[in-house]
């Protein structure tokens, strides 16, 4: 088994941010620009879409519930509107729950991402 040549190991000291430090810091400017690029704020379009869907579900759930309540308070004016009001009243809690759970899941995801970047 052959020994590895000491010159090929290329050990370097790094500072607290992980950037090369000291006299042997080769390419220090390159690593500084890379660290600023990775620290920049990027927006994930899928997360934005999930936030919009969550808000839409919550608004739709409240709208369905209020619409069904309003029609129920008006009384049975026509027999055609009753099945639609029943469907609104049936689906409103599920739609609200889906919106709230999506928001809670996204908040946990953001907390995990923040915790990962804080390390």
PDB file of N, CA and C in Angstrom:
ATOM      1  N   UNK A   1       0.835  -1.159   0.000  1.00  0.00           N
ATOM      2  CA  UNK A   1       0.000   0.000   0.000  1.00  0.00           C
ATOM      3  C   UNK A   1       0.889   1.234   0.000  1.00  0.00           C
ATOM      4  N   UNK A   2       0.683   2.106  -0.950  1.00  0.00           N
ATOM      5  CA  UNK A   2       1.537   3.279  -1.104  1.00  0.00           C
ATOM      6  C   UNK A   2       1.028   4.417  -0.245  1.00  0.00           C
ATOM      7  N   UNK A   3       1.978   5.219   0.227  1.00  0.00           N
ATOM      8  CA  UNK A   3       1.593   6.388   1.003  1.00  0.00           C
ATOM      9  C   UNK A   3       1.232   7.537   0.068  1.00  0.00           C
ATOM     10  N   UNK A   4       0.294   8.365   0.558  1.00  0.00           N
ATOM     11  CA  UNK A   4      -0.116   9.524  -0.218  1.00  0.00           C
ATOM     12  C   UNK A   4       0.890  10.631  -0.003  1.00  0.00           C
ATOM     13  N   UNK A   5       1.274  11.272  -1.076  1.00  0.00           N
ATOM     14  CA  UNK A   5       2.230  12.374  -0.995  1.00  0.00           C
ATOM     15  C   UNK A   5       1.620  13.532  -0.219  1.00  0.00           C
ATOM     16  N   UNK A   6       2.373  14.129   0.707  1.00  0.00           N
ATOM     17  CA  UNK A   6       1.882  15.211   1.556  1.00  0.00           C
ATOM     18  C   UNK A   6       1.496  16.456   0.780  1.00  0.00           C
ATOM     19  N   UNK A   7       2.110  16.684  -0.386  1.00  0.00           N
ATOM     20  CA  UNK A   7       1.783  17.880  -1.165  1.00  0.00           C
ATOM     21  C   UNK A   7       0.398  17.789  -1.797  1.00  0.00           C
ATOM     22  N   UNK A   8      -0.065  16.615  -2.048  1.00  0.00           N
ATOM     23  CA  UNK A   8      -1.347  16.457  -2.716  1.00  0.00           C
ATOM     24  C   UNK A   8      -2.528  16.611  -1.765  1.00  0.00           C
ATOM     25  N   UNK A   9      -2.310  16.563  -0.457  1.00  0.00           N
ATOM     26  CA  UNK A   9      -3.419  16.682   0.486  1.00  0.00           C
ATOM     27  C   UNK A   9      -3.989  18.094   0.524  1.00  0.00           C
ATOM     28  N   UNK A  10      -3.121  19.124   0.446  1.00  0.00           N
ATOM     29  CA  UNK A  10      -3.539  20.513   0.345  1.00  0.00           C
ATOM     30  C   UNK A  10      -4.471  20.930   1.472  1.00  0.00           C
ATOM     31  N   UNK A  11      -4.002  20.849   2.712  1.00  0.00           N
ATOM     32  CA  UNK A  11      -4.778  21.311   3.863  1.00  0.00           C
ATOM     33  C   UNK A  11      -4.742  22.830   3.929  1.00  0.00           C
ATOM     34  N   UNK A  12      -5.887  23.441   4.254  1.00  0.00           N
ATOM     35  CA  UNK A  12      -5.951  24.883   4.425  1.00  0.00           C
ATOM     36  C   UNK A  12      -6.788  25.202   5.648  1.00  0.00           C
ATOM     37  N   UNK A  13      -6.447  26.295   6.316  1.00  0.00           N
ATOM     38  CA  UNK A  13      -7.260  26.747   7.437  1.00  0.00           C
ATOM     39  C   UNK A  13      -8.433  27.561   6.899  1.00  0.00           C
ATOM     40  N   UNK A  14      -9.555  27.484   7.604  1.00  0.00           N
ATOM     41  CA  UNK A  14     -10.734  28.245   7.214  1.00  0.00           C
ATOM     42  C   UNK A  14     -11.200  29.068   8.405  1.00  0.00           C
ATOM     43  N   UNK A  15     -11.880  30.167   8.101  1.00  0.00           N
ATOM     44  CA  UNK A  15     -12.419  31.001   9.176  1.00  0.00           C
ATOM     45  C   UNK A  15     -13.768  30.461   9.613  1.00  0.00           C
ATOM     46  N   UNK A  16     -14.476  31.218  10.458  1.00  0.00           N
ATOM     47  CA  UNK A  16     -15.739  30.733  11.014  1.00  0.00           C
ATOM     48  C   UNK A  16     -16.836  30.584   9.970  1.00  0.00           C
ATOM     49  N   UNK A  17     -16.697  31.266   8.811  1.00  0.00           N
ATOM     50  CA  UNK A  17     -17.690  31.152   7.744  1.00  0.00           C
ATOM     51  C   UNK A  17     -17.346  30.081   6.733  1.00  0.00           C
ATOM     52  N   UNK A  18     -16.212  29.438   6.904  1.00  0.00           N
ATOM     53  CA  UNK A  18     -15.806  28.389   5.980  1.00  0.00           C
ATOM     54  C   UNK A  18     -14.968  28.897   4.829  1.00  0.00           C
ATOM     55  N   UNK A  19     -14.578  30.178   4.847  1.00  0.00           N
ATOM     56  CA  UNK A  19     -13.738  30.739   3.794  1.00  0.00           C
ATOM     57  C   UNK A  19     -12.278  30.455   4.112  1.00  0.00           C
ATOM     58  N   UNK A  20     -11.447  30.214   3.079  1.00  0.00           N
ATOM     59  CA  UNK A  20     -10.021  29.972   3.329  1.00  0.00           C
ATOM     60  C   UNK A  20      -9.387  31.175   4.010  1.00  0.00           C
ATOM     61  N   UNK A  21      -8.546  30.930   5.015  1.00  0.00           N
ATOM     62  CA  UNK A  21      -7.908  32.004   5.766  1.00  0.00           C
ATOM     63  C   UNK A  21      -6.414  31.780   5.796  1.00  0.00           C
ATOM     64  N   UNK A  22      -5.667  32.831   6.092  1.00  0.00           N
ATOM     65  CA  UNK A  22      -4.223  32.723   6.235  1.00  0.00           C
ATOM     66  C   UNK A  22      -3.497  32.987   4.946  1.00  0.00           C
ATOM     67  N   UNK A  23      -2.161  32.708   4.964  1.00  0.00           N
ATOM     68  CA  UNK A  23      -1.315  32.982   3.807  1.00  0.00           C
ATOM     69  C   UNK A  23      -1.591  32.025   2.660  1.00  0.00           C
ATOM     70  N   UNK A  24      -2.015  30.820   2.949  1.00  0.00           N
ATOM     71  CA  UNK A  24      -2.233  29.831   1.897  1.00  0.00           C
ATOM     72  C   UNK A  24      -3.613  29.899   1.281  1.00  0.00           C
ATOM     73  N   UNK A  25      -4.304  31.031   1.434  1.00  0.00           N
ATOM     74  CA  UNK A  25      -5.663  31.160   0.899  1.00  0.00           C
ATOM     75  C   UNK A  25      -5.599  31.467  -0.581  1.00  0.00           C
ATOM     76  N   UNK A  26      -5.720  30.444  -1.369  1.00  0.00           N
ATOM     77  CA  UNK A  26      -5.702  30.613  -2.810  1.00  0.00           C
ATOM     78  C   UNK A  26      -7.125  30.804  -3.285  1.00  0.00           C
ATOM     79  N   UNK A  27      -7.343  31.826  -4.094  1.00  0.00           N
ATOM     80  CA  UNK A  27      -8.685  32.076  -4.626  1.00  0.00           C
ATOM     81  C   UNK A  27      -9.638  32.599  -3.581  1.00  0.00           C
ATOM     82  N   UNK A  28      -9.148  33.454  -2.679  1.00  0.00           N
ATOM     83  CA  UNK A  28      -9.997  33.967  -1.604  1.00  0.00           C
ATOM     84  C   UNK A  28     -11.104  34.854  -2.154  1.00  0.00           C
ATOM     85  N   UNK A  29     -10.832  35.614  -3.185  1.00  0.00           N
ATOM     86  CA  UNK A  29     -11.857  36.483  -3.778  1.00  0.00           C
ATOM     87  C   UNK A  29     -12.940  35.644  -4.446  1.00  0.00           C
ATOM     88  N   UNK A  30     -12.536  34.537  -5.062  1.00  0.00           N
ATOM     89  CA  UNK A  30     -13.521  33.670  -5.699  1.00  0.00           C
ATOM     90  C   UNK A  30     -14.454  33.048  -4.681  1.00  0.00           C
ATOM     91  N   UNK A  31     -13.906  32.601  -3.549  1.00  0.00           N
ATOM     92  CA  UNK A  31     -14.751  31.968  -2.548  1.00  0.00           C
ATOM     93  C   UNK A  31     -15.663  32.986  -1.885  1.00  0.00           C
ATOM     94  N   UNK A  32     -15.209  34.235  -1.744  1.00  0.00           N
ATOM     95  CA  UNK A  32     -16.068  35.269  -1.153  1.00  0.00           C
ATOM     96  C   UNK A  32     -17.254  35.570  -2.062  1.00  0.00           C
ATOM     97  N   UNK A  33     -17.021  35.616  -3.377  1.00  0.00           N
ATOM     98  CA  UNK A  33     -18.140  35.878  -4.287  1.00  0.00           C
ATOM     99  C   UNK A  33     -19.093  34.691  -4.329  1.00  0.00           C
ATOM    100  N   UNK A  34     -18.562  33.471  -4.182  1.00  0.00           N
ATOM    101  CA  UNK A  34     -19.427  32.299  -4.145  1.00  0.00           C
ATOM    102  C   UNK A  34     -20.288  32.290  -2.894  1.00  0.00           C
ATOM    103  N   UNK A  35     -19.711  32.710  -1.746  1.00  0.00           N
ATOM    104  CA  UNK A  35     -20.487  32.715  -0.515  1.00  0.00           C
ATOM    105  C   UNK A  35     -21.593  33.757  -0.566  1.00  0.00           C
ATOM    106  N   UNK A  36     -21.366  34.885  -1.242  1.00  0.00           N
ATOM    107  CA  UNK A  36     -22.440  35.877  -1.360  1.00  0.00           C
ATOM    108  C   UNK A  36     -23.504  35.395  -2.319  1.00  0.00           C
ATOM    109  N   UNK A  37     -23.113  34.620  -3.315  1.00  0.00           N
ATOM    110  CA  UNK A  37     -24.117  34.090  -4.243  1.00  0.00           C
ATOM    111  C   UNK A  37     -24.999  33.051  -3.560  1.00  0.00           C
ATOM    112  N   UNK A  38     -24.425  32.213  -2.706  1.00  0.00           N
ATOM    113  CA  UNK A  38     -25.231  31.191  -2.047  1.00  0.00           C
ATOM    114  C   UNK A  38     -26.081  31.779  -0.940  1.00  0.00           C
ATOM    115  N   UNK A  39     -25.653  32.914  -0.370  1.00  0.00           N
ATOM    116  CA  UNK A  39     -26.420  33.532   0.704  1.00  0.00           C
ATOM    117  C   UNK A  39     -27.535  34.423   0.179  1.00  0.00           C
ATOM    118  N   UNK A  40     -27.598  34.622  -1.134  1.00  0.00           N
ATOM    119  CA  UNK A  40     -28.638  35.488  -1.681  1.00  0.00           C
ATOM    120  C   UNK A  40     -30.006  34.831  -1.526  1.00  0.00           C
ATOM    121  N   UNK A  41     -31.012  35.671  -1.491  1.00  0.00           N
ATOM    122  CA  UNK A  41     -32.386  35.212  -1.273  1.00  0.00           C
ATOM    123  C   UNK A  41     -32.986  34.745  -2.590  1.00  0.00           C
ATOM    124  N   UNK A  42     -33.400  33.496  -2.642  1.00  0.00           N
ATOM    125  CA  UNK A  42     -34.049  32.974  -3.834  1.00  0.00           C
ATOM    126  C   UNK A  42     -35.464  32.564  -3.476  1.00  0.00           C
ATOM    127  N   UNK A  43     -36.367  32.769  -4.409  1.00  0.00           N
ATOM    128  CA  UNK A  43     -37.770  32.444  -4.194  1.00  0.00           C
ATOM    129  C   UNK A  43     -38.093  31.163  -4.943  1.00  0.00           C
ATOM    130  N   UNK A  44     -38.655  30.206  -4.227  1.00  0.00           N
ATOM    131  CA  UNK A  44     -39.085  28.954  -4.827  1.00  0.00           C
ATOM    132  C   UNK A  44     -40.507  29.145  -5.347  1.00  0.00           C
ATOM    133  N   UNK A  45     -40.729  29.024  -6.652  1.00  0.00           N
ATOM    134  CA  UNK A  45     -42.071  29.275  -7.192  1.00  0.00           C
ATOM    135  C   UNK A  45     -43.103  28.255  -6.714  1.00  0.00           C
ATOM    136  N   UNK A  46     -42.683  27.065  -6.378  1.00  0.00           N
ATOM    137  CA  UNK A  46     -43.625  26.059  -5.889  1.00  0.00           C
ATOM    138  C   UNK A  46     -44.139  26.418  -4.494  1.00  0.00           C
ATOM    139  N   UNK A  47     -43.266  26.969  -3.672  1.00  0.00           N
ATOM    140  CA  UNK A  47     -43.690  27.392  -2.330  1.00  0.00           C
ATOM    141  C   UNK A  47     -44.637  28.574  -2.433  1.00  0.00           C
ATOM    142  N   UNK A  48     -44.354  29.495  -3.355  1.00  0.00           N
ATOM    143  CA  UNK A  48     -45.257  30.630  -3.563  1.00  0.00           C
ATOM    144  C   UNK A  48     -46.619  30.132  -4.022  1.00  0.00           C
ATOM    145  N   UNK A  49     -46.626  29.159  -4.926  1.00  0.00           N
ATOM    146  CA  UNK A  49     -47.889  28.599  -5.406  1.00  0.00           C
ATOM    147  C   UNK A  49     -48.647  27.910  -4.274  1.00  0.00           C
ATOM    148  N   UNK A  50     -47.933  27.223  -3.394  1.00  0.00           N
ATOM    149  CA  UNK A  50     -48.595  26.590  -2.252  1.00  0.00           C
ATOM    150  C   UNK A  50     -49.181  27.626  -1.297  1.00  0.00           C
ATOM    151  N   UNK A  51     -48.466  28.739  -1.062  1.00  0.00           N
ATOM    152  CA  UNK A  51     -49.015  29.795  -0.204  1.00  0.00           C
ATOM    153  C   UNK A  51     -50.274  30.393  -0.823  1.00  0.00           C
ATOM    154  N   UNK A  52     -50.246  30.619  -2.134  1.00  0.00           N
ATOM    155  CA  UNK A  52     -51.432  31.162  -2.801  1.00  0.00           C
ATOM    156  C   UNK A  52     -52.595  30.170  -2.765  1.00  0.00           C
ATOM    157  N   UNK A  53     -52.296  28.895  -2.962  1.00  0.00           N
ATOM    158  CA  UNK A  53     -53.345  27.879  -2.895  1.00  0.00           C
ATOM    159  C   UNK A  53     -53.916  27.782  -1.485  1.00  0.00           C
ATOM    160  N   UNK A  54     -53.054  27.884  -0.488  1.00  0.00           N
ATOM    161  CA  UNK A  54     -53.517  27.839   0.898  1.00  0.00           C
ATOM    162  C   UNK A  54     -54.445  29.014   1.199  1.00  0.00           C
ATOM    163  N   UNK A  55     -54.039  30.203   0.794  1.00  0.00           N
ATOM    164  CA  UNK A  55     -54.887  31.378   1.009  1.00  0.00           C
ATOM    165  C   UNK A  55     -56.199  31.247   0.235  1.00  0.00           C
ATOM    166  N   UNK A  56     -56.130  30.720  -0.975  1.00  0.00           N
ATOM    167  CA  UNK A  56     -57.341  30.514  -1.767  1.00  0.00           C
ATOM    168  C   UNK A  56     -58.290  29.513  -1.128  1.00  0.00           C
ATOM    169  N   UNK A  57     -57.736  28.448  -0.566  1.00  0.00           N
ATOM    170  CA  UNK A  57     -58.574  27.455   0.100  1.00  0.00           C
ATOM    171  C   UNK A  57     -59.260  28.037   1.335  1.00  0.00           C
ATOM    172  N   UNK A  58     -58.537  28.840   2.086  1.00  0.00           N
ATOM    173  CA  UNK A  58     -59.130  29.428   3.292  1.00  0.00           C
ATOM    174  C   UNK A  58     -60.230  30.418   2.911  1.00  0.00           C
ATOM    175  N   UNK A  59     -59.958  31.260   1.929  1.00  0.00           N
ATOM    176  CA  UNK A  59     -60.976  32.230   1.493  1.00  0.00           C
ATOM    177  C   UNK A  59     -62.178  31.509   0.889  1.00  0.00           C
ATOM    178  N   UNK A  60     -61.935  30.486   0.084  1.00  0.00           N
ATOM    179  CA  UNK A  60     -63.040  29.738  -0.525  1.00  0.00           C
ATOM    180  C   UNK A  60     -63.860  29.012   0.529  1.00  0.00           C
ATOM    181  N   UNK A  61     -63.198  28.465   1.540  1.00  0.00           N
ATOM    182  CA  UNK A  61     -63.923  27.777   2.606  1.00  0.00           C
ATOM    183  C   UNK A  61     -64.832  28.713   3.372  1.00  0.00           C
ATOM    184  N   UNK A  62     -64.296  29.901   3.728  1.00  0.00           N
ATOM    185  CA  UNK A  62     -65.146  30.871   4.406  1.00  0.00           C
ATOM    186  C   UNK A  62     -66.267  31.365   3.497  1.00  0.00           C
ATOM    187  N   UNK A  63     -65.957  31.563   2.224  1.00  0.00           N
ATOM    188  CA  UNK A  63     -66.997  32.002   1.277  1.00  0.00           C
ATOM    189  C   UNK A  63     -68.097  30.974   1.115  1.00  0.00           C
ATOM    190  N   UNK A  64     -67.722  29.723   1.038  1.00  0.00           N
ATOM    191  CA  UNK A  64     -68.724  28.661   0.916  1.00  0.00           C
ATOM    192  C   UNK A  64     -69.587  28.596   2.164  1.00  0.00           C
ATOM    193  N   UNK A  65     -68.955  28.699   3.319  1.00  0.00           N
ATOM    194  CA  UNK A  65     -69.695  28.630   4.568  1.00  0.00           C
ATOM    195  C   UNK A  65     -70.656  29.810   4.702  1.00  0.00           C
ATOM    196  N   UNK A  66     -70.164  31.020   4.407  1.00  0.00           N
ATOM    197  CA  UNK A  66     -71.025  32.195   4.521  1.00  0.00           C
ATOM    198  C   UNK A  66     -72.130  32.194   3.483  1.00  0.00           C
ATOM    199  N   UNK A  67     -71.830  31.724   2.289  1.00  0.00           N
ATOM    200  CA  UNK A  67     -72.863  31.632   1.256  1.00  0.00           C
ATOM    201  C   UNK A  67     -73.953  30.646   1.629  1.00  0.00           C
ATOM    202  N   UNK A  68     -73.580  29.529   2.187  1.00  0.00           N
ATOM    203  CA  UNK A  68     -74.572  28.535   2.602  1.00  0.00           C
ATOM    204  C   UNK A  68     -75.384  29.051   3.789  1.00  0.00           C
ATOM    205  N   UNK A  69     -74.720  29.754   4.720  1.00  0.00           N
ATOM    206  CA  UNK A  69     -75.449  30.309   5.863  1.00  0.00           C
ATOM    207  C   UNK A  69     -76.427  31.388   5.417  1.00  0.00           C
ATOM    208  N   UNK A  70     -76.006  32.214   4.489  1.00  0.00           N
ATOM    209  CA  UNK A  70     -76.864  33.279   4.000  1.00  0.00           C
ATOM    210  C   UNK A  70     -78.089  32.706   3.294  1.00  0.00           C
ATOM    211  N   UNK A  71     -77.888  31.692   2.486  1.00  0.00           N
ATOM    212  CA  UNK A  71     -79.012  31.078   1.790  1.00  0.00           C
ATOM    213  C   UNK A  71     -79.922  30.337   2.766  1.00  0.00           C
ATOM    214  N   UNK A  72     -79.363  29.759   3.820  1.00  0.00           N
ATOM    215  CA  UNK A  72     -80.188  29.056   4.800  1.00  0.00           C
ATOM    216  C   UNK A  72     -81.028  30.034   5.616  1.00  0.00           C
ATOM    217  N   UNK A  73     -80.505  31.226   5.867  1.00  0.00           N
ATOM    218  CA  UNK A  73     -81.253  32.228   6.608  1.00  0.00           C
ATOM    219  C   UNK A  73     -82.395  32.825   5.785  1.00  0.00           C
ATOM    220  N   UNK A  74     -82.224  32.834   4.465  1.00  0.00           N
ATOM    221  CA  UNK A  74     -83.253  33.405   3.599  1.00  0.00           C
ATOM    222  C   UNK A  74     -84.474  32.493   3.515  1.00  0.00           C
ATOM    223  N   UNK A  75     -84.286  31.238   3.772  1.00  0.00           N
ATOM    224  CA  UNK A  75     -85.410  30.305   3.720  1.00  0.00           C
ATOM    225  C   UNK A  75     -85.461  29.587   2.390  1.00  0.00           C
ATOM    226  N   UNK A  76     -86.322  28.589   2.314  1.00  0.00           N
ATOM    227  CA  UNK A  76     -86.409  27.792   1.077  1.00  0.00           C
ATOM    228  C   UNK A  76     -87.250  28.509   0.008  1.00  0.00           C
ATOM    229  N   UNK A  77     -86.601  29.355  -0.783  1.00  0.00           N
ATOM    230  CA  UNK A  77     -87.321  30.058  -1.849  1.00  0.00           C
ATOM    231  C   UNK A  77     -87.521  29.173  -3.067  1.00  0.00           C
ATOM    232  N   UNK A  78     -86.515  28.402  -3.400  1.00  0.00           N
ATOM    233  CA  UNK A  78     -86.657  27.494  -4.535  1.00  0.00           C
ATOM    234  C   UNK A  78     -86.026  26.160  -4.170  1.00  0.00           C
ATOM    235  N   UNK A  79     -86.524  25.122  -4.740  1.00  0.00           N
ATOM    236  CA  UNK A  79     -86.013  23.789  -4.420  1.00  0.00           C
ATOM    237  C   UNK A  79     -84.706  23.496  -5.143  1.00  0.00           C
ATOM    238  N   UNK A  80     -84.354  24.295  -6.162  1.00  0.00           N
ATOM    239  CA  UNK A  80     -83.123  24.040  -6.902  1.00  0.00           C
ATOM    240  C   UNK A  80     -81.871  24.456  -6.121  1.00  0.00           C
ATOM    241  N   UNK A  81     -81.973  25.449  -5.258  1.00  0.00           N
ATOM    242  CA  UNK A  81     -80.788  25.950  -4.563  1.00  0.00           C
ATOM    243  C   UNK A  81     -80.427  25.107  -3.336  1.00  0.00           C
ATOM    244  N   UNK A  82     -81.322  24.298  -2.852  1.00  0.00           N
ATOM    245  CA  UNK A  82     -81.055  23.549  -1.630  1.00  0.00           C
ATOM    246  C   UNK A  82     -79.907  22.546  -1.769  1.00  0.00           C
ATOM    247  N   UNK A  83     -79.813  21.746  -2.848  1.00  0.00           N
ATOM    248  CA  UNK A  83     -78.674  20.817  -2.943  1.00  0.00           C
ATOM    249  C   UNK A  83     -77.331  21.547  -3.026  1.00  0.00           C
ATOM    250  N   UNK A  84     -77.295  22.697  -3.698  1.00  0.00           N
ATOM    251  CA  UNK A  84     -76.049  23.447  -3.791  1.00  0.00           C
ATOM    252  C   UNK A  84     -75.653  24.003  -2.423  1.00  0.00           C
ATOM    253  N   UNK A  85     -76.615  24.499  -1.670  1.00  0.00           N
ATOM    254  CA  UNK A  85     -76.316  24.989  -0.319  1.00  0.00           C
ATOM    255  C   UNK A  85     -75.846  23.855   0.587  1.00  0.00           C
ATOM    256  N   UNK A  86     -76.447  22.697   0.424  1.00  0.00           N
ATOM    257  CA  UNK A  86     -76.029  21.537   1.214  1.00  0.00           C
ATOM    258  C   UNK A  86     -74.587  21.150   0.869  1.00  0.00           C
ATOM    259  N   UNK A  87     -74.248  21.171  -0.419  1.00  0.00           N
ATOM    260  CA  UNK A  87     -72.877  20.853  -0.827  1.00  0.00           C
ATOM    261  C   UNK A  87     -71.891  21.882  -0.280  1.00  0.00           C
ATOM    262  N   UNK A  88     -72.239  23.135  -0.328  1.00  0.00           N
ATOM    263  CA  UNK A  88     -71.362  24.175   0.208  1.00  0.00           C
ATOM    264  C   UNK A  88     -71.135  23.958   1.701  1.00  0.00           C
ATOM    265  N   UNK A  89     -72.221  23.682   2.417  1.00  0.00           N
ATOM    266  CA  UNK A  89     -72.098  23.477   3.855  1.00  0.00           C
ATOM    267  C   UNK A  89     -71.310  22.202   4.169  1.00  0.00           C
ATOM    268  N   UNK A  90     -71.394  21.200   3.299  1.00  0.00           N
ATOM    269  CA  UNK A  90     -70.671  19.947   3.529  1.00  0.00           C
ATOM    270  C   UNK A  90     -69.176  20.079   3.256  1.00  0.00           C
ATOM    271  N   UNK A  91     -68.829  20.815   2.210  1.00  0.00           N
ATOM    272  CA  UNK A  91     -67.426  20.903   1.813  1.00  0.00           C
ATOM    273  C   UNK A  91     -66.661  22.035   2.489  1.00  0.00           C
ATOM    274  N   UNK A  92     -67.349  23.017   3.039  1.00  0.00           N
ATOM    275  CA  UNK A  92     -66.669  24.170   3.635  1.00  0.00           C
ATOM    276  C   UNK A  92     -65.692  23.780   4.749  1.00  0.00           C
ATOM    277  N   UNK A  93     -66.047  22.917   5.698  1.00  0.00           N
ATOM    278  CA  UNK A  93     -65.065  22.560   6.738  1.00  0.00           C
ATOM    279  C   UNK A  93     -63.836  21.843   6.183  1.00  0.00           C
ATOM    280  N   UNK A  94     -64.044  21.000   5.176  1.00  0.00           N
ATOM    281  CA  UNK A  94     -62.916  20.273   4.599  1.00  0.00           C
ATOM    282  C   UNK A  94     -61.982  21.206   3.842  1.00  0.00           C
ATOM    283  N   UNK A  95     -62.551  22.169   3.131  1.00  0.00           N
ATOM    284  CA  UNK A  95     -61.732  23.128   2.394  1.00  0.00           C
ATOM    285  C   UNK A  95     -60.965  24.011   3.373  1.00  0.00           C
ATOM    286  N   UNK A  96     -61.624  24.454   4.428  1.00  0.00           N
ATOM    287  CA  UNK A  96     -60.934  25.242   5.456  1.00  0.00           C
ATOM    288  C   UNK A  96     -59.811  24.441   6.107  1.00  0.00           C
ATOM    289  N   UNK A  97     -60.081  23.199   6.428  1.00  0.00           N
ATOM    290  CA  UNK A  97     -59.061  22.351   7.043  1.00  0.00           C
ATOM    291  C   UNK A  97     -57.869  22.160   6.111  1.00  0.00           C
ATOM    292  N   UNK A  98     -58.130  21.957   4.831  1.00  0.00           N
ATOM    293  CA  UNK A  98     -57.036  21.797   3.868  1.00  0.00           C
ATOM    294  C   UNK A  98     -56.191  23.063   3.792  1.00  0.00           C
ATOM    295  N   UNK A  99     -56.823  24.224   3.813  1.00  0.00           N
ATOM    296  CA  UNK A  99     -56.070  25.476   3.775  1.00  0.00           C
ATOM    297  C   UNK A  99     -55.244  25.701   5.024  1.00  0.00           C
ATOM    298  N   UNK A 100     -55.820  25.411   6.181  1.00  0.00           N
ATOM    299  CA  UNK A 100     -55.092  25.604   7.436  1.00  0.00           C
ATOM    300  C   UNK A 100     -53.937  24.607   7.556  1.00  0.00           C
ATOM    301  N   UNK A 101     -54.155  23.362   7.171  1.00  0.00           N
ATOM    302  CA  UNK A 101     -53.083  22.367   7.227  1.00  0.00           C
ATOM    303  C   UNK A 101     -51.961  22.687   6.246  1.00  0.00           C
ATOM    304  N   UNK A 102     -52.316  23.206   5.074  1.00  0.00           N
ATOM    305  CA  UNK A 102     -51.294  23.609   4.110  1.00  0.00           C
ATOM    306  C   UNK A 102     -50.470  24.756   4.672  1.00  0.00           C
ATOM    307  N   UNK A 103     -51.133  25.728   5.286  1.00  0.00           N
ATOM    308  CA  UNK A 103     -50.402  26.853   5.900  1.00  0.00           C
ATOM    309  C   UNK A 103     -49.494  26.372   7.027  1.00  0.00           C
ATOM    310  N   UNK A 104     -49.987  25.478   7.861  1.00  0.00           N
ATOM    311  CA  UNK A 104     -49.168  24.961   8.959  1.00  0.00           C
ATOM    312  C   UNK A 104     -47.983  24.162   8.425  1.00  0.00           C
ATOM    313  N   UNK A 105     -48.216  23.360   7.408  1.00  0.00           N
ATOM    314  CA  UNK A 105     -47.118  22.605   6.806  1.00  0.00           C
ATOM    315  C   UNK A 105     -46.062  23.514   6.198  1.00  0.00           C
ATOM    316  N   UNK A 106     -46.507  24.580   5.547  1.00  0.00           N
ATOM    317  CA  UNK A 106     -45.551  25.525   4.980  1.00  0.00           C
ATOM    318  C   UNK A 106     -44.773  26.262   6.060  1.00  0.00           C
ATOM    319  N   UNK A 107     -45.422  26.573   7.164  1.00  0.00           N
ATOM    320  CA  UNK A 107     -44.703  27.215   8.265  1.00  0.00           C
ATOM    321  C   UNK A 107     -43.642  26.288   8.853  1.00  0.00           C
ATOM    322  N   UNK A 108     -43.963  25.004   8.994  1.00  0.00           N
ATOM    323  CA  UNK A 108     -42.967  24.045   9.465  1.00  0.00           C
ATOM    324  C   UNK A 108     -41.832  23.897   8.462  1.00  0.00           C
ATOM    325  N   UNK A 109     -42.149  23.923   7.173  1.00  0.00           N
ATOM    326  CA  UNK A 109     -41.123  23.828   6.141  1.00  0.00           C
ATOM    327  C   UNK A 109     -40.191  25.028   6.216  1.00  0.00           C
ATOM    328  N   UNK A 110     -40.775  26.235   6.361  1.00  0.00           N
ATOM    329  CA  UNK A 110     -39.949  27.441   6.465  1.00  0.00           C
ATOM    330  C   UNK A 110     -39.077  27.398   7.717  1.00  0.00           C
ATOM    331  N   UNK A 111     -39.608  26.892   8.816  1.00  0.00           N
ATOM    332  CA  UNK A 111     -38.814  26.780  10.043  1.00  0.00           C
ATOM    333  C   UNK A 111     -37.652  25.813   9.844  1.00  0.00           C
ATOM    334  N   UNK A 112     -37.880  24.712   9.171  1.00  0.00           N
ATOM    335  CA  UNK A 112     -36.804  23.749   8.917  1.00  0.00           C
ATOM    336  C   UNK A 112     -35.748  24.344   7.992  1.00  0.00           C
ATOM    337  N   UNK A 113     -36.181  25.088   6.971  1.00  0.00           N
ATOM    338  CA  UNK A 113     -35.226  25.732   6.073  1.00  0.00           C
ATOM    339  C   UNK A 113     -34.405  26.786   6.808  1.00  0.00           C
ATOM    340  N   UNK A 114     -35.059  27.552   7.657  1.00  0.00           N
ATOM    341  CA  UNK A 114     -34.353  28.585   8.411  1.00  0.00           C
ATOM    342  C   UNK A 114     -33.350  27.942   9.360  1.00  0.00           C
ATOM    343  N   UNK A 115     -33.743  26.856  10.007  1.00  0.00           N
ATOM    344  CA  UNK A 115     -32.860  26.159  10.936  1.00  0.00           C
ATOM    345  C   UNK A 115     -31.652  25.578  10.194  1.00  0.00           C
ATOM    346  N   UNK A 116     -31.887  25.077   8.987  1.00  0.00           N
ATOM    347  CA  UNK A 116     -30.806  24.486   8.205  1.00  0.00           C
ATOM    348  C   UNK A 116     -29.817  25.560   7.765  1.00  0.00           C
ATOM    349  N   UNK A 117     -30.317  26.742   7.390  1.00  0.00           N
ATOM    350  CA  UNK A 117     -29.430  27.812   6.953  1.00  0.00           C
ATOM    351  C   UNK A 117     -28.745  28.507   8.119  1.00  0.00           C
ATOM    352  N   UNK A 118     -29.313  28.385   9.316  1.00  0.00           N
ATOM    353  CA  UNK A 118     -28.709  29.016  10.482  1.00  0.00           C
ATOM    354  C   UNK A 118     -27.475  28.262  10.969  1.00  0.00           C
ATOM    355  N   UNK A 119     -27.368  27.000  10.631  1.00  0.00           N
ATOM    356  CA  UNK A 119     -26.227  26.193  11.099  1.00  0.00           C
ATOM    357  C   UNK A 119     -24.962  26.571  10.407  1.00  0.00           C
TER     358      UNK A 119
END
